[in-house]
Protein backbone atom coordinates (compact mmCIF):
# COMPACT_ATOMS: atom_id res chain seq x y z
CA UNK A 1 30.08 73.12 -29.39
CA UNK A 2 27.06 70.94 -30.13
CA UNK A 3 24.72 69.35 -27.72
CA UNK A 4 26.39 66.61 -25.63
CA UNK A 5 25.16 63.32 -27.08
CA UNK A 6 26.55 61.05 -24.35
CA UNK A 7 24.16 62.20 -21.66
CA UNK A 8 22.12 59.16 -20.59
CA UNK A 9 19.69 58.28 -17.77
CA UNK A 10 22.56 56.42 -16.11
CA UNK A 11 24.51 59.68 -15.94
CA UNK A 12 21.60 61.35 -14.15
CA UNK A 13 21.30 58.45 -11.73
CA UNK A 14 25.00 58.56 -10.90
CA UNK A 15 25.17 62.35 -10.75
CA UNK A 16 27.71 62.72 -13.55
CA UNK A 17 27.53 64.47 -16.90
CA UNK A 18 29.10 61.88 -19.19
CA UNK A 19 29.56 58.09 -18.89
CA UNK A 20 33.35 58.18 -19.03
CA UNK A 21 34.24 55.37 -16.65
CA UNK A 22 37.59 54.15 -15.35
CA UNK A 23 37.80 50.37 -15.37
CA UNK A 24 39.26 49.02 -12.14
CA UNK A 25 42.25 46.70 -12.38
CA UNK A 26 42.11 43.43 -10.52
CA UNK A 27 39.15 41.59 -9.06
CA UNK A 28 36.51 43.40 -7.05
CA UNK A 29 38.30 46.75 -7.46
CA UNK A 30 41.35 45.52 -5.58
CA UNK A 31 43.67 47.96 -7.38
CA UNK A 32 41.46 50.88 -8.32
CA UNK A 33 39.21 51.99 -5.46
CA UNK A 34 35.65 53.12 -6.26
CA UNK A 35 36.43 56.62 -4.97
CA UNK A 36 39.11 57.07 -7.63
CA UNK A 37 36.80 55.79 -10.36
CA UNK A 38 34.06 58.21 -9.31
CA UNK A 39 36.50 61.11 -9.07
CA UNK A 40 37.82 60.61 -12.59
CA UNK A 41 34.33 60.03 -14.01
CA UNK A 42 33.03 63.31 -12.59
CA UNK A 43 36.05 65.43 -13.52
CA UNK A 44 36.31 64.70 -17.24
CA UNK A 45 33.86 66.07 -19.81
CA UNK A 46 33.61 64.83 -23.39
CA UNK A 47 31.54 66.47 -26.13
CA UNK A 48 30.87 64.69 -29.44
CA UNK A 49 29.58 66.62 -32.46
CA UNK A 50 28.70 64.69 -35.66
CA UNK A 51 30.30 65.84 -38.92
CA UNK A 52 29.06 65.45 -42.52
CA UNK A 53 32.43 64.06 -43.68
CA UNK A 54 34.90 61.36 -42.60
CA UNK A 55 37.12 63.68 -40.58
CA UNK A 56 37.69 63.00 -36.88
CA UNK A 57 38.99 66.02 -34.98
CA UNK A 58 40.11 65.66 -31.35
CA UNK A 59 40.61 68.77 -29.25
CA UNK A 60 42.09 68.54 -25.75
CA UNK A 61 44.72 70.08 -23.52
CA UNK A 62 47.19 67.57 -24.98
CA UNK A 63 46.78 69.17 -28.40
CA UNK A 64 44.59 69.05 -31.49
CA UNK A 65 44.69 66.05 -33.78
CA UNK A 66 42.92 65.42 -37.07
CA UNK A 67 42.53 62.06 -38.77
CA UNK A 68 39.97 60.17 -40.84
CA UNK A 69 37.47 57.51 -39.84
CA UNK A 70 38.53 55.16 -42.63
CA UNK A 71 42.23 55.62 -41.88
CA UNK A 72 43.02 56.45 -38.27
CA UNK A 73 46.57 57.69 -37.82
CA UNK A 74 48.54 57.35 -34.62
CA UNK A 75 49.21 60.05 -32.04
CA UNK A 76 51.08 59.08 -28.87
CA UNK A 77 49.43 61.53 -26.41
CA UNK A 78 45.95 60.49 -27.60
CA UNK A 79 46.62 56.80 -28.22
CA UNK A 80 43.95 55.64 -25.78
CA UNK A 81 41.25 57.78 -27.37
CA UNK A 82 42.28 56.76 -30.88
CA UNK A 83 42.39 53.11 -29.83
CA UNK A 84 38.80 53.29 -28.58
CA UNK A 85 37.69 54.99 -31.82
CA UNK A 86 39.51 52.43 -33.96
CA UNK A 87 37.66 49.57 -32.28
CA UNK A 88 34.28 51.04 -33.26
CA UNK A 89 35.25 52.86 -36.44
CA UNK A 90 33.22 50.48 -38.61
CA UNK A 91 30.07 51.31 -36.61
CA UNK A 92 30.43 55.07 -36.95
CA UNK A 93 28.21 56.60 -39.67
CA UNK A 94 30.60 59.51 -40.28
CA UNK A 95 33.32 61.58 -38.68
CA UNK A 96 32.96 63.71 -35.56
CA UNK A 97 34.47 66.47 -33.49
CA UNK A 98 35.57 65.31 -30.04
CA UNK A 99 36.26 67.89 -27.34
CA UNK A 100 37.82 66.59 -24.12
CA UNK A 101 37.89 68.87 -21.09
CA UNK A 102 39.42 67.87 -17.79
CA UNK A 103 39.64 69.56 -14.43
CA UNK A 104 43.04 67.91 -14.04
CA UNK A 105 45.95 69.74 -15.58
CA UNK A 106 47.78 67.79 -18.27
CA UNK A 107 51.03 68.99 -16.69
CA UNK A 108 50.34 67.17 -13.43
CA UNK A 109 52.44 64.03 -13.48
CA UNK A 110 53.32 61.45 -10.91
CA UNK A 111 56.15 59.17 -10.08
CA UNK A 112 55.69 55.70 -11.49
CA UNK A 113 57.55 54.39 -8.46
CA UNK A 114 55.19 56.05 -6.01
CA UNK A 115 52.23 54.77 -8.02
CA UNK A 116 53.53 51.22 -7.71
CA UNK A 117 54.13 51.68 -3.98
CA UNK A 118 50.59 52.99 -3.40
CA UNK A 119 49.11 50.20 -5.53
CA UNK A 120 51.18 47.64 -3.64
CA UNK A 121 50.00 48.93 -0.28
CA UNK A 122 46.38 48.82 -1.46
CA UNK A 123 46.75 45.27 -2.78
CA UNK A 124 48.48 44.12 0.41
CA UNK A 125 45.68 45.67 2.47
CA UNK A 126 42.96 43.89 0.51
CA UNK A 127 44.66 40.56 -0.25
CA UNK A 128 43.69 38.79 2.97
CA UNK A 129 40.00 39.60 2.65
CA UNK A 130 38.89 38.09 -0.63
CA UNK A 131 41.64 35.94 -2.12
CA UNK A 132 41.74 32.16 -1.90
CA UNK A 133 44.49 30.26 -0.10
CA UNK A 134 45.94 29.06 -3.42
CA UNK A 135 46.32 32.65 -4.58
CA UNK A 136 48.03 33.66 -1.34
CA UNK A 137 50.45 30.72 -1.48
CA UNK A 138 51.35 31.51 -5.08
CA UNK A 139 51.62 35.23 -4.30
CA UNK A 140 54.06 34.59 -1.45
CA UNK A 141 56.38 32.46 -3.58
CA UNK A 142 56.20 34.64 -6.70
CA UNK A 143 56.45 38.01 -4.97
CA UNK A 144 59.28 36.87 -2.71
CA UNK A 145 61.37 36.19 -5.79
CA UNK A 146 60.26 39.40 -7.53
CA UNK A 147 60.97 41.45 -4.38
CA UNK A 148 64.46 39.98 -4.10
CA UNK A 149 65.25 40.74 -7.75
CA UNK A 150 63.83 44.26 -7.63
CA UNK A 151 65.57 45.17 -4.38
CA UNK A 152 68.87 43.87 -5.74
CA UNK A 153 68.41 45.90 -8.91
CA UNK A 154 67.36 48.97 -6.91
CA UNK A 155 70.47 48.89 -4.73
CA UNK A 156 72.69 48.50 -7.81
CA UNK A 157 71.01 51.47 -9.51
CA UNK A 158 71.23 53.55 -6.34
CA UNK A 159 74.93 52.77 -5.90
CA UNK A 160 75.83 53.54 -9.49
CA UNK A 161 73.73 56.71 -9.60
CA UNK A 162 75.16 58.00 -6.34
CA UNK A 163 78.74 57.98 -7.62
CA UNK A 164 77.78 59.76 -10.84
CA UNK A 165 75.53 62.29 -9.12
CA UNK A 166 77.83 63.18 -6.24
CA UNK A 167 80.74 63.75 -8.62
CA UNK A 168 78.95 66.51 -10.53
CA UNK A 169 77.73 68.43 -7.47
CA UNK A 170 80.27 71.21 -6.92
CA UNK A 171 78.17 73.63 -4.87
CA UNK A 172 77.81 73.49 -1.97
CA UNK A 173 81.01 71.73 -0.96
CA UNK A 174 81.12 68.32 0.74
CA UNK A 175 81.17 69.64 4.28
CA UNK A 176 78.15 71.82 3.63
CA UNK A 177 76.39 68.87 2.00
CA UNK A 178 77.10 66.77 5.09
CA UNK A 179 75.71 69.49 7.38
CA UNK A 180 72.63 69.86 5.18
CA UNK A 181 72.06 66.09 5.30
CA UNK A 182 72.30 66.11 9.08
CA UNK A 183 69.90 69.04 9.28
CA UNK A 184 67.42 67.36 6.97
CA UNK A 185 67.61 64.11 8.95
CA UNK A 186 66.95 66.01 12.18
CA UNK A 187 64.08 67.90 10.53
CA UNK A 188 62.54 64.62 9.36
CA UNK A 189 62.78 63.14 12.85
CA UNK A 190 61.21 66.24 14.38
CA UNK A 191 58.46 66.30 11.76
CA UNK A 192 57.73 62.63 12.31
CA UNK A 193 57.68 63.15 16.06
CA UNK A 194 55.27 66.08 15.74
CA UNK A 195 53.03 64.07 13.42
CA UNK A 196 52.96 61.11 15.80
CA UNK A 197 52.26 63.45 18.73
CA UNK A 198 49.40 65.06 16.85
CA UNK A 199 47.93 61.68 15.91
CA UNK A 200 48.36 60.52 19.51
CA UNK A 201 46.32 63.52 20.62
CA UNK A 202 43.44 63.21 18.14
CA UNK A 203 43.63 59.46 17.46
CA UNK A 204 41.28 58.39 20.30
CA UNK A 205 38.52 60.42 18.66
CA UNK A 206 38.67 58.34 15.48
CA UNK A 207 39.91 54.96 16.78
CA UNK A 208 39.26 54.70 20.53
CA UNK A 209 39.95 50.96 20.69
CA UNK A 210 43.43 51.32 19.24
CA UNK A 211 44.28 54.00 21.80
CA UNK A 212 42.77 52.26 24.82
CA UNK A 213 46.25 51.57 26.25
CA UNK A 214 47.51 55.14 26.27
CA UNK A 215 50.82 54.33 27.91
CA UNK A 216 51.59 51.46 25.56
CA UNK A 217 50.53 53.49 22.52
CA UNK A 218 52.75 56.38 23.63
CA UNK A 219 55.73 54.03 23.78
CA UNK A 220 55.06 52.68 20.32
CA UNK A 221 54.62 56.17 18.87
CA UNK A 222 57.88 57.28 20.46
CA UNK A 223 59.67 54.34 18.87
CA UNK A 224 58.17 55.13 15.47
CA UNK A 225 59.16 58.77 15.82
CA UNK A 226 62.80 57.78 16.31
CA UNK A 227 62.95 55.83 13.08
CA UNK A 228 64.40 57.48 10.02
CA UNK A 229 64.03 57.23 6.24
CA UNK A 230 65.71 53.97 5.26
CA UNK A 231 65.80 51.76 2.20
CA UNK A 232 65.94 52.42 -1.53
CA UNK A 233 62.37 53.69 -1.90
CA UNK A 234 63.24 57.26 -0.90
CA UNK A 235 66.19 57.38 -3.29
CA UNK A 236 64.23 55.80 -6.13
CA UNK A 237 61.47 58.35 -5.60
CA UNK A 238 64.06 61.11 -5.92
CA UNK A 239 65.43 59.43 -9.05
CA UNK A 240 62.01 59.79 -10.66
CA UNK A 241 62.57 63.55 -10.97
CA UNK A 242 62.99 64.57 -14.63
CA UNK A 243 66.55 65.11 -15.79
CA UNK A 244 65.89 68.83 -16.28
CA UNK A 245 64.33 69.24 -12.81
CA UNK A 246 65.94 72.20 -10.98
CA UNK A 247 68.69 71.15 -8.54
CA UNK A 248 68.01 67.47 -9.29
CA UNK A 249 71.59 66.37 -8.57
CA UNK A 250 71.64 68.28 -5.29
CA UNK A 251 68.34 66.78 -4.19
CA UNK A 252 69.54 63.28 -5.06
CA UNK A 253 72.76 63.75 -3.14
CA UNK A 254 70.93 65.04 -0.08
CA UNK A 255 68.51 62.12 -0.27
CA UNK A 256 71.43 59.71 -0.37
CA UNK A 257 72.88 61.44 2.66
CA UNK A 258 69.64 61.30 4.64
CA UNK A 259 69.18 57.58 3.92
CA UNK A 260 72.77 56.79 4.93
CA UNK A 261 72.46 58.80 8.15
CA UNK A 262 69.16 57.10 8.96
CA UNK A 263 70.75 53.68 8.50
CA UNK A 264 73.62 54.65 10.77
CA UNK A 265 71.23 56.21 13.29
CA UNK A 266 69.23 52.99 13.50
CA UNK A 267 72.30 51.22 14.85
CA UNK A 268 72.18 53.48 17.90
CA UNK A 269 68.42 54.00 18.14
CA UNK A 270 67.46 50.31 18.23
CA UNK A 271 69.36 49.60 21.49
CA UNK A 272 67.87 52.79 22.98
CA UNK A 273 64.34 51.66 22.06
CA UNK A 274 64.97 48.26 23.62
CA UNK A 275 66.62 49.71 26.74
CA UNK A 276 63.77 52.14 27.37
CA UNK A 277 61.14 49.45 26.63
CA UNK A 278 59.46 51.71 24.10
CA UNK A 279 57.65 48.77 22.53
CA UNK A 280 54.62 47.33 24.26
CA UNK A 281 55.24 43.76 23.14
CA UNK A 282 57.76 41.79 21.17
CA UNK A 283 57.03 40.00 17.92
CA UNK A 284 56.94 36.69 19.81
CA UNK A 285 54.35 38.04 22.24
CA UNK A 286 52.25 39.49 19.44
CA UNK A 287 52.42 36.17 17.57
CA UNK A 288 51.41 34.29 20.72
CA UNK A 289 48.42 36.60 21.34
CA UNK A 290 47.28 36.28 17.73
CA UNK A 291 47.53 32.47 17.84
CA UNK A 292 45.44 32.37 21.02
CA UNK A 293 42.80 34.61 19.43
CA UNK A 294 42.48 32.52 16.25
CA UNK A 295 42.43 29.26 18.22
CA UNK A 296 39.59 30.53 20.40
CA UNK A 297 37.75 31.66 17.30
CA UNK A 298 38.12 28.12 15.92
CA UNK A 299 36.62 26.68 19.12
CA UNK A 300 33.67 29.06 18.95
CA UNK A 301 33.06 28.16 15.32
CA UNK A 302 33.24 24.45 16.16
CA UNK A 303 30.56 24.91 18.83
CA UNK A 304 28.32 26.72 16.37
CA UNK A 305 28.83 24.09 13.67
CA UNK A 306 28.10 21.21 16.06
CA UNK A 307 24.87 22.86 17.24
CA UNK A 308 23.83 23.61 13.66
CA UNK A 309 24.50 20.01 12.62
CA UNK A 310 22.36 18.73 15.50
CA UNK A 311 19.56 21.12 14.58
CA UNK A 312 19.59 19.85 11.00
CA UNK A 313 19.49 16.25 12.16
CA UNK A 314 23.02 15.36 11.05
CA UNK A 315 25.04 15.40 14.28
CA UNK A 316 28.82 15.41 14.13
CA UNK A 317 30.33 12.11 15.30
CA UNK A 318 31.49 12.42 18.89
CA UNK A 319 34.93 11.04 18.12
CA UNK A 320 35.45 13.58 15.34
CA UNK A 321 34.28 16.47 17.52
CA UNK A 322 36.51 15.38 20.40
CA UNK A 323 39.53 15.13 18.15
CA UNK A 324 38.96 18.59 16.62
CA UNK A 325 38.27 20.17 19.98
CA UNK A 326 41.27 18.60 21.68
CA UNK A 327 43.57 19.93 18.96
CA UNK A 328 42.38 23.53 19.41
CA UNK A 329 42.27 23.28 23.24
CA UNK A 330 45.77 21.82 23.36
CA UNK A 331 47.00 24.70 21.19
CA UNK A 332 45.45 27.30 23.50
CA UNK A 333 46.75 25.58 26.64
CA UNK A 334 50.28 25.42 25.26
CA UNK A 335 50.18 29.11 24.38
CA UNK A 336 48.93 30.06 27.86
CA UNK A 337 51.28 27.76 29.75
CA UNK A 338 54.04 28.88 32.09
CA UNK A 339 57.56 29.27 30.65
CA UNK A 340 58.60 25.86 31.98
CA UNK A 341 55.49 24.16 30.61
CA UNK A 342 55.82 26.02 27.34
CA UNK A 343 59.43 24.87 26.97
CA UNK A 344 58.46 21.25 27.63
CA UNK A 345 55.57 21.48 25.17
CA UNK A 346 57.89 23.11 22.64
CA UNK A 347 60.38 20.26 22.96
CA UNK A 348 57.61 17.74 22.39
CA UNK A 349 56.37 19.66 19.37
CA UNK A 350 59.86 19.80 17.90
CA UNK A 351 60.22 16.06 18.34
CA UNK A 352 56.83 15.48 16.71
CA UNK A 353 57.71 17.66 13.74
CA UNK A 354 61.10 15.99 13.34
CA UNK A 355 59.31 12.65 13.15
CA UNK A 356 56.85 14.07 10.63
CA UNK A 357 59.73 15.35 8.49
CA UNK A 358 61.36 11.94 8.63
CA UNK A 359 58.12 10.36 7.45
CA UNK A 360 57.86 12.95 4.68
CA UNK A 361 61.39 12.13 3.50
CA UNK A 362 60.41 8.46 3.34
CA UNK A 363 57.38 9.41 1.25
CA UNK A 364 59.59 11.40 -1.11
CA UNK A 365 62.00 8.50 -1.47
CA UNK A 366 59.14 6.13 -2.31
CA UNK A 367 57.69 8.68 -4.75
CA UNK A 368 61.09 8.89 -6.43
CA UNK A 369 61.18 5.09 -6.75
CA UNK A 370 57.71 5.08 -8.31
CA UNK A 371 58.85 7.67 -10.84
CA UNK A 372 62.07 5.83 -11.72
CA UNK A 373 60.27 2.48 -12.06
CA UNK A 374 57.47 4.21 -14.03
CA UNK A 375 54.79 2.83 -11.72
CA UNK A 376 52.89 6.14 -11.77
CA UNK A 377 52.29 8.69 -14.56
CA UNK A 378 54.04 12.04 -14.50
CA UNK A 379 51.00 14.16 -13.59
CA UNK A 380 50.33 11.91 -10.56
CA UNK A 381 53.94 12.27 -9.43
CA UNK A 382 53.71 16.06 -9.83
CA UNK A 383 50.47 16.24 -7.83
CA UNK A 384 51.85 14.15 -4.96
CA UNK A 385 55.09 16.15 -4.96
CA UNK A 386 53.11 19.36 -4.60
CA UNK A 387 51.12 17.89 -1.69
CA UNK A 388 54.35 16.88 0.05
CA UNK A 389 55.78 20.36 -0.51
CA UNK A 390 52.73 21.99 1.09
CA UNK A 391 52.86 19.64 4.08
CA UNK A 392 56.58 20.24 4.57
CA UNK A 393 56.11 24.01 4.29
CA UNK A 394 53.44 23.80 7.02
CA UNK A 395 55.97 22.15 9.33
CA UNK A 396 58.29 25.14 9.06
CA UNK A 397 62.06 25.13 9.37
CA UNK A 398 63.74 22.39 11.45
CA UNK A 399 64.38 23.42 15.05
CA UNK A 400 61.74 26.17 15.01
CA UNK A 401 58.14 26.15 16.22
């Protein structure tokens, strides 16, 4: 091996040997976290040795491949390396020997499904922090459709695969398979319960604020522990096993059984959770608390903005400030009102929104007339239609607050 020629001052500054970097997908590293980029960069070593001829020889755990600089052949396992070389082939003075060493085994694979799930969780976690409202609105509409299509396809695949897989499993027999599925479901519930108990014990050390209400947290953890493995994700993960994986059909059948038992168990567990009051608050209560918090934050920000405007010599008009403040205060008061007051306020809000919808329908009818009579160009009609759609979406479904 020759002397590594890719060692640069940047490598020394970053504490790595070679500048082999992993480009993050998405904006601001939303898909590929910096930790993963650093891990890959520090675990792969590349050595380049110039040659006196046009030959390019690549040596790695994926195999050895020889081609020429002036005519780069294809090789599927090394397509990324060859693609990078092909882009700069005209700038290379001659051929070279490339040795690629990695601390990761080439035999370590991963489920594409699990990769998508992890990436989706990461994107969902980071979406609300840096994306604009337009991106979120588009993401909701687009991903709702994609989710519906993918889930429909997943359930079809699961159903078809189950019939084929279960029919070829001859050992153990059906009764033994049923008992094994029950045992696995019980083991999963016990494992989940032990995990939640362990996290309940050590959680206050890492997140004391989240565990401030010990009794409420214990109820929530108990409810989580009673939940099983439901949905197609578990089955699809099992389907990602290679066809020659040992006992693949048996594992798939058992996974099917565990998912079915978990779905059936949820029918009995949900009433038990509700009867024992194992949840600290309902979704409605959580939504109410969150609305109060954001409304109070809006009032605090309004106070700061008004003071800042006065300091800069451009005070906010009193009428504008009063209108903005009254809207936020009225929202907080309605959320903190007694049940009777809240019901009366809810009825008034429903009436107001019904009137707003009626006005929107009149606007749509007039917009339709303008389009038919050609009193407005098409792009103006499209823009106004989009504005009406956004306003109607903000009103929510009729009869609901």
